């Protein structure tokens, strides 16, 4: 595949089940695998409808788009790469003509967290693997009270509870291949 070719992944459930999400080939994009995605959305099943979500480090946008497909009220996508942000916008406009449910922001995640004055029911936090900012960005999410209910974490390293914000509680945790993923609550509720 050349730089100008596109990659795609499928939405696995909901109103857009089977539709493709297209995105440009880019070694920085590592879409969450279907097995992990299915586990995550099973964990969130009853909390997802009508939720307000944030897809931080959106990449292909697959987590946020899957959330919309399954009934999320709105999703804000934050992606630093301008071309990738444009693909997310293009895909979403092909799927849904109600742009009020969708916001795509082309910005650095760390800088955006510092200026964000909003709260989200569910945050999908899936930074590039080898990110040195993983735990400091978790701290910013907590510091600025951006998470109301749940934070999904995905990493190529074991997720260490001792390095997460004190008020976050890991309520579900798994590993699939080399990927560790967890669902944390920002308060003491449980699934």
C-alpha atoms as a PDB file:
ATOM      1  CA  UNK A   1       0.000   0.000   0.000  1.00  0.00           C
ATOM      2  CA  UNK A   2       1.337   3.454  -0.848  1.00  0.00           C
ATOM      3  CA  UNK A   3       0.890   6.589   1.220  1.00  0.00           C
ATOM      4  CA  UNK A   4      -2.047   7.591  -0.950  1.00  0.00           C
ATOM      5  CA  UNK A   5      -3.990   4.387  -0.507  1.00  0.00           C
ATOM      6  CA  UNK A   6      -6.646   4.047   2.138  1.00  0.00           C
ATOM      7  CA  UNK A   7      -7.194   1.501   4.856  1.00  0.00           C
ATOM      8  CA  UNK A   8     -10.539   0.635   6.344  1.00  0.00           C
ATOM      9  CA  UNK A   9     -12.148  -1.152   9.248  1.00  0.00           C
ATOM     10  CA  UNK A  10     -15.742  -2.160   9.790  1.00  0.00           C
ATOM     11  CA  UNK A  11     -18.210  -1.046  12.416  1.00  0.00           C
ATOM     12  CA  UNK A  12     -19.165  -4.169  14.350  1.00  0.00           C
ATOM     13  CA  UNK A  13     -22.605  -3.330  15.747  1.00  0.00           C
ATOM     14  CA  UNK A  14     -25.427  -0.812  15.911  1.00  0.00           C
ATOM     15  CA  UNK A  15     -27.180   1.224  13.251  1.00  0.00           C
ATOM     16  CA  UNK A  16     -24.063   1.390  11.045  1.00  0.00           C
ATOM     17  CA  UNK A  17     -23.049  -2.260  11.487  1.00  0.00           C
ATOM     18  CA  UNK A  18     -20.911  -3.505   8.604  1.00  0.00           C
ATOM     19  CA  UNK A  19     -20.140  -0.047   7.209  1.00  0.00           C
ATOM     20  CA  UNK A  20     -16.517   0.825   6.570  1.00  0.00           C
ATOM     21  CA  UNK A  21     -14.477   3.540   8.223  1.00  0.00           C
ATOM     22  CA  UNK A  22     -11.848   4.710   5.731  1.00  0.00           C
ATOM     23  CA  UNK A  23      -8.614   6.376   6.764  1.00  0.00           C
ATOM     24  CA  UNK A  24      -5.284   7.102   5.070  1.00  0.00           C
ATOM     25  CA  UNK A  25      -2.408   4.700   5.583  1.00  0.00           C
ATOM     26  CA  UNK A  26      -0.353   6.089   8.428  1.00  0.00           C
ATOM     27  CA  UNK A  27       1.943   4.161  10.737  1.00  0.00           C
ATOM     28  CA  UNK A  28       0.684   6.250  13.672  1.00  0.00           C
ATOM     29  CA  UNK A  29      -2.851   4.840  13.291  1.00  0.00           C
ATOM     30  CA  UNK A  30      -3.456   1.585  15.099  1.00  0.00           C
ATOM     31  CA  UNK A  31      -7.183   0.922  15.217  1.00  0.00           C
ATOM     32  CA  UNK A  32      -8.466  -1.017  18.216  1.00  0.00           C
ATOM     33  CA  UNK A  33      -8.991  -4.638  17.206  1.00  0.00           C
ATOM     34  CA  UNK A  34     -12.511  -6.031  16.880  1.00  0.00           C
ATOM     35  CA  UNK A  35     -12.075  -8.477  19.760  1.00  0.00           C
ATOM     36  CA  UNK A  36     -11.036  -5.696  22.129  1.00  0.00           C
ATOM     37  CA  UNK A  37     -13.718  -3.358  20.777  1.00  0.00           C
ATOM     38  CA  UNK A  38     -16.430  -5.975  21.306  1.00  0.00           C
ATOM     39  CA  UNK A  39     -15.289  -6.519  24.916  1.00  0.00           C
ATOM     40  CA  UNK A  40     -15.206  -2.773  25.586  1.00  0.00           C
ATOM     41  CA  UNK A  41     -18.673  -2.147  24.204  1.00  0.00           C
ATOM     42  CA  UNK A  42     -20.071  -5.134  26.108  1.00  0.00           C
ATOM     43  CA  UNK A  43     -18.712  -3.510  29.278  1.00  0.00           C
ATOM     44  CA  UNK A  44     -20.381  -0.199  28.358  1.00  0.00           C
ATOM     45  CA  UNK A  45     -23.594  -1.668  26.943  1.00  0.00           C
ATOM     46  CA  UNK A  46     -26.190  -0.168  29.299  1.00  0.00           C
ATOM     47  CA  UNK A  47     -24.276   3.096  29.835  1.00  0.00           C
ATOM     48  CA  UNK A  48     -23.673   3.968  26.188  1.00  0.00           C
ATOM     49  CA  UNK A  49     -27.140   5.040  24.971  1.00  0.00           C
ATOM     50  CA  UNK A  50     -27.527   8.831  25.182  1.00  0.00           C
ATOM     51  CA  UNK A  51     -24.011   9.287  26.566  1.00  0.00           C
ATOM     52  CA  UNK A  52     -21.682  12.145  25.710  1.00  0.00           C
ATOM     53  CA  UNK A  53     -18.325  10.687  24.620  1.00  0.00           C
ATOM     54  CA  UNK A  54     -14.786  11.877  23.928  1.00  0.00           C
ATOM     55  CA  UNK A  55     -12.495   9.987  21.538  1.00  0.00           C
ATOM     56  CA  UNK A  56      -9.093  11.375  22.539  1.00  0.00           C
ATOM     57  CA  UNK A  57      -6.281  10.448  20.114  1.00  0.00           C
ATOM     58  CA  UNK A  58      -9.072   9.525  17.703  1.00  0.00           C
ATOM     59  CA  UNK A  59      -6.861   8.050  14.966  1.00  0.00           C
ATOM     60  CA  UNK A  60      -9.252   6.196  12.669  1.00  0.00           C
ATOM     61  CA  UNK A  61     -12.181   7.346  14.827  1.00  0.00           C
ATOM     62  CA  UNK A  62     -13.327   3.745  15.213  1.00  0.00           C
ATOM     63  CA  UNK A  63     -14.113   3.900  18.949  1.00  0.00           C
ATOM     64  CA  UNK A  64     -16.149   7.097  18.713  1.00  0.00           C
ATOM     65  CA  UNK A  65     -17.924   6.014  15.536  1.00  0.00           C
ATOM     66  CA  UNK A  66     -18.742   2.630  17.101  1.00  0.00           C
ATOM     67  CA  UNK A  67     -20.159   4.507  20.118  1.00  0.00           C
ATOM     68  CA  UNK A  68     -22.374   6.632  17.843  1.00  0.00           C
ATOM     69  CA  UNK A  69     -23.497   3.529  15.965  1.00  0.00           C
ATOM     70  CA  UNK A  70     -24.528   1.963  19.280  1.00  0.00           C
ATOM     71  CA  UNK A  71     -26.530   4.947  20.510  1.00  0.00           C
ATOM     72  CA  UNK A  72     -24.199   7.545  22.044  1.00  0.00           C
ATOM     73  CA  UNK A  73     -25.820  10.980  22.005  1.00  0.00           C
ATOM     74  CA  UNK A  74     -22.663  12.780  20.865  1.00  0.00           C
ATOM     75  CA  UNK A  75     -18.950  12.241  20.334  1.00  0.00           C
ATOM     76  CA  UNK A  76     -16.088  14.729  20.283  1.00  0.00           C
ATOM     77  CA  UNK A  77     -13.070  13.462  18.341  1.00  0.00           C
ATOM     78  CA  UNK A  78      -9.631  14.960  19.069  1.00  0.00           C
ATOM     79  CA  UNK A  79      -6.925  14.102  16.531  1.00  0.00           C
ATOM     80  CA  UNK A  80      -3.661  15.956  15.968  1.00  0.00           C
ATOM     81  CA  UNK A  81      -3.086  14.898  12.348  1.00  0.00           C
ATOM     82  CA  UNK A  82      -5.008  17.208   9.991  1.00  0.00           C
ATOM     83  CA  UNK A  83      -5.415  14.641   7.182  1.00  0.00           C
ATOM     84  CA  UNK A  84      -6.725  12.005   9.564  1.00  0.00           C
ATOM     85  CA  UNK A  85      -9.143  14.515  11.138  1.00  0.00           C
ATOM     86  CA  UNK A  86     -10.460  15.259   7.652  1.00  0.00           C
ATOM     87  CA  UNK A  87     -11.072  11.545   7.020  1.00  0.00           C
ATOM     88  CA  UNK A  88     -12.995  11.243  10.294  1.00  0.00           C
ATOM     89  CA  UNK A  89     -15.175  14.214   9.314  1.00  0.00           C
ATOM     90  CA  UNK A  90     -15.754  12.842   5.810  1.00  0.00           C
ATOM     91  CA  UNK A  91     -16.726   9.402   7.136  1.00  0.00           C
ATOM     92  CA  UNK A  92     -19.095  10.835   9.727  1.00  0.00           C
ATOM     93  CA  UNK A  93     -20.841  13.075   7.213  1.00  0.00           C
ATOM     94  CA  UNK A  94     -21.401  10.056   4.952  1.00  0.00           C
ATOM     95  CA  UNK A  95     -22.962   8.154   7.863  1.00  0.00           C
ATOM     96  CA  UNK A  96     -25.015  10.881   9.511  1.00  0.00           C
ATOM     97  CA  UNK A  97     -26.349  14.234   8.390  1.00  0.00           C
ATOM     98  CA  UNK A  98     -26.763  15.513  11.976  1.00  0.00           C
ATOM     99  CA  UNK A  99     -23.432  17.226  12.602  1.00  0.00           C
ATOM    100  CA  UNK A 100     -24.665  18.601  15.942  1.00  0.00           C
ATOM    101  CA  UNK A 101     -23.917  15.132  17.409  1.00  0.00           C
ATOM    102  CA  UNK A 102     -20.362  15.217  16.143  1.00  0.00           C
ATOM    103  CA  UNK A 103     -17.382  17.499  16.775  1.00  0.00           C
ATOM    104  CA  UNK A 104     -13.979  16.817  15.190  1.00  0.00           C
ATOM    105  CA  UNK A 105     -11.118  18.828  16.664  1.00  0.00           C
ATOM    106  CA  UNK A 106      -7.703  19.007  15.012  1.00  0.00           C
ATOM    107  CA  UNK A 107      -5.416  19.640  17.997  1.00  0.00           C
ATOM    108  CA  UNK A 108      -2.762  18.130  20.226  1.00  0.00           C
ATOM    109  CA  UNK A 109      -4.500  16.130  22.981  1.00  0.00           C
ATOM    110  CA  UNK A 110      -2.438  17.578  25.823  1.00  0.00           C
ATOM    111  CA  UNK A 111      -3.056  21.186  24.766  1.00  0.00           C
ATOM    112  CA  UNK A 112      -6.728  20.511  24.123  1.00  0.00           C
ATOM    113  CA  UNK A 113      -7.219  19.006  27.605  1.00  0.00           C
ATOM    114  CA  UNK A 114      -5.865  22.226  29.123  1.00  0.00           C
ATOM    115  CA  UNK A 115      -8.474  24.375  27.361  1.00  0.00           C
ATOM    116  CA  UNK A 116     -11.410  21.957  27.467  1.00  0.00           C
ATOM    117  CA  UNK A 117     -14.259  23.256  29.601  1.00  0.00           C
ATOM    118  CA  UNK A 118     -16.571  20.314  29.027  1.00  0.00           C
ATOM    119  CA  UNK A 119     -17.303  16.993  30.726  1.00  0.00           C
ATOM    120  CA  UNK A 120     -17.921  13.627  29.114  1.00  0.00           C
ATOM    121  CA  UNK A 121     -19.742  10.534  30.340  1.00  0.00           C
ATOM    122  CA  UNK A 122     -17.277   8.224  28.595  1.00  0.00           C
ATOM    123  CA  UNK A 123     -13.716   8.938  27.473  1.00  0.00           C
ATOM    124  CA  UNK A 124     -11.864   6.682  25.037  1.00  0.00           C
ATOM    125  CA  UNK A 125      -8.150   7.190  25.789  1.00  0.00           C
ATOM    126  CA  UNK A 126      -6.004   5.259  23.333  1.00  0.00           C
ATOM    127  CA  UNK A 127      -2.762   7.199  22.691  1.00  0.00           C
ATOM    128  CA  UNK A 128      -0.077   5.946  20.301  1.00  0.00           C
ATOM    129  CA  UNK A 129       1.857   3.007  21.708  1.00  0.00           C
ATOM    130  CA  UNK A 130       5.205   3.955  23.266  1.00  0.00           C
ATOM    131  CA  UNK A 131       3.627   7.235  24.458  1.00  0.00           C
ATOM    132  CA  UNK A 132       5.647   8.725  27.300  1.00  0.00           C
ATOM    133  CA  UNK A 133       2.715  10.933  28.287  1.00  0.00           C
ATOM    134  CA  UNK A 134       0.213   8.160  29.088  1.00  0.00           C
ATOM    135  CA  UNK A 135      -0.001   8.723  32.851  1.00  0.00           C
ATOM    136  CA  UNK A 136       0.540  12.497  32.757  1.00  0.00           C
ATOM    137  CA  UNK A 137      -2.410  12.804  30.349  1.00  0.00           C
ATOM    138  CA  UNK A 138      -4.523  10.636  32.655  1.00  0.00           C
ATOM    139  CA  UNK A 139      -3.601  13.155  35.351  1.00  0.00           C
ATOM    140  CA  UNK A 140      -4.789  16.044  33.162  1.00  0.00           C
ATOM    141  CA  UNK A 141      -8.117  14.320  32.484  1.00  0.00           C
ATOM    142  CA  UNK A 142      -8.560  14.014  36.242  1.00  0.00           C
ATOM    143  CA  UNK A 143      -7.192  17.470  37.114  1.00  0.00           C
ATOM    144  CA  UNK A 144      -9.593  19.243  34.772  1.00  0.00           C
ATOM    145  CA  UNK A 145     -12.568  17.016  35.789  1.00  0.00           C
ATOM    146  CA  UNK A 146     -13.280  16.030  32.199  1.00  0.00           C
ATOM    147  CA  UNK A 147     -14.507  12.494  32.988  1.00  0.00           C
ATOM    148  CA  UNK A 148     -17.963  12.201  34.553  1.00  0.00           C
ATOM    149  CA  UNK A 149     -18.311   8.437  34.573  1.00  0.00           C
ATOM    150  CA  UNK A 150     -15.914   6.135  32.668  1.00  0.00           C
ATOM    151  CA  UNK A 151     -12.458   6.251  31.128  1.00  0.00           C
ATOM    152  CA  UNK A 152     -11.351   3.517  28.732  1.00  0.00           C
ATOM    153  CA  UNK A 153      -7.566   3.041  28.638  1.00  0.00           C
ATOM    154  CA  UNK A 154      -5.543   1.134  26.036  1.00  0.00           C
ATOM    155  CA  UNK A 155      -1.774   0.627  26.085  1.00  0.00           C
ATOM    156  CA  UNK A 156       1.028  -1.604  24.869  1.00  0.00           C
ATOM    157  CA  UNK A 157       2.238  -1.853  28.474  1.00  0.00           C
ATOM    158  CA  UNK A 158       0.553  -3.143  31.604  1.00  0.00           C
ATOM    159  CA  UNK A 159      -1.767  -0.448  33.017  1.00  0.00           C
ATOM    160  CA  UNK A 160      -0.472   0.297  36.510  1.00  0.00           C
ATOM    161  CA  UNK A 161      -3.141   1.329  38.992  1.00  0.00           C
ATOM    162  CA  UNK A 162      -0.567   3.044  41.213  1.00  0.00           C
ATOM    163  CA  UNK A 163       0.212   5.528  38.407  1.00  0.00           C
ATOM    164  CA  UNK A 164      -3.429   6.418  37.674  1.00  0.00           C
ATOM    165  CA  UNK A 165      -5.250   9.288  39.394  1.00  0.00           C
ATOM    166  CA  UNK A 166      -6.253   8.295  42.940  1.00  0.00           C
ATOM    167  CA  UNK A 167      -9.978   8.816  42.318  1.00  0.00           C
ATOM    168  CA  UNK A 168     -10.017   6.421  39.351  1.00  0.00           C
ATOM    169  CA  UNK A 169     -11.044   2.868  40.094  1.00  0.00           C
ATOM    170  CA  UNK A 170     -10.234   0.072  37.625  1.00  0.00           C
ATOM    171  CA  UNK A 171     -13.500  -1.838  37.281  1.00  0.00           C
ATOM    172  CA  UNK A 172     -12.630  -4.049  34.298  1.00  0.00           C
ATOM    173  CA  UNK A 173      -9.227  -5.015  32.932  1.00  0.00           C
ATOM    174  CA  UNK A 174      -7.991  -7.423  30.244  1.00  0.00           C
ATOM    175  CA  UNK A 175      -5.117  -8.197  27.949  1.00  0.00           C
ATOM    176  CA  UNK A 176      -5.343  -9.315  24.315  1.00  0.00           C
ATOM    177  CA  UNK A 177      -2.009 -10.194  22.763  1.00  0.00           C
ATOM    178  CA  UNK A 178       0.328  -7.304  23.507  1.00  0.00           C
ATOM    179  CA  UNK A 179      -2.508  -4.861  24.267  1.00  0.00           C
ATOM    180  CA  UNK A 180      -3.604  -4.061  27.827  1.00  0.00           C
ATOM    181  CA  UNK A 181      -6.949  -2.355  28.229  1.00  0.00           C
ATOM    182  CA  UNK A 182      -9.053  -1.268  31.173  1.00  0.00           C
ATOM    183  CA  UNK A 183     -12.254   0.525  32.055  1.00  0.00           C
ATOM    184  CA  UNK A 184     -11.981   2.909  34.983  1.00  0.00           C
ATOM    185  CA  UNK A 185     -14.694   4.753  36.824  1.00  0.00           C
ATOM    186  CA  UNK A 186     -14.192   8.379  37.724  1.00  0.00           C
ATOM    187  CA  UNK A 187     -16.485   7.788  40.695  1.00  0.00           C
ATOM    188  CA  UNK A 188     -17.472   4.746  42.750  1.00  0.00           C
ATOM    189  CA  UNK A 189     -20.240   3.419  40.498  1.00  0.00           C
ATOM    190  CA  UNK A 190     -19.774   0.039  38.855  1.00  0.00           C
ATOM    191  CA  UNK A 191     -21.042  -1.763  35.796  1.00  0.00           C
END
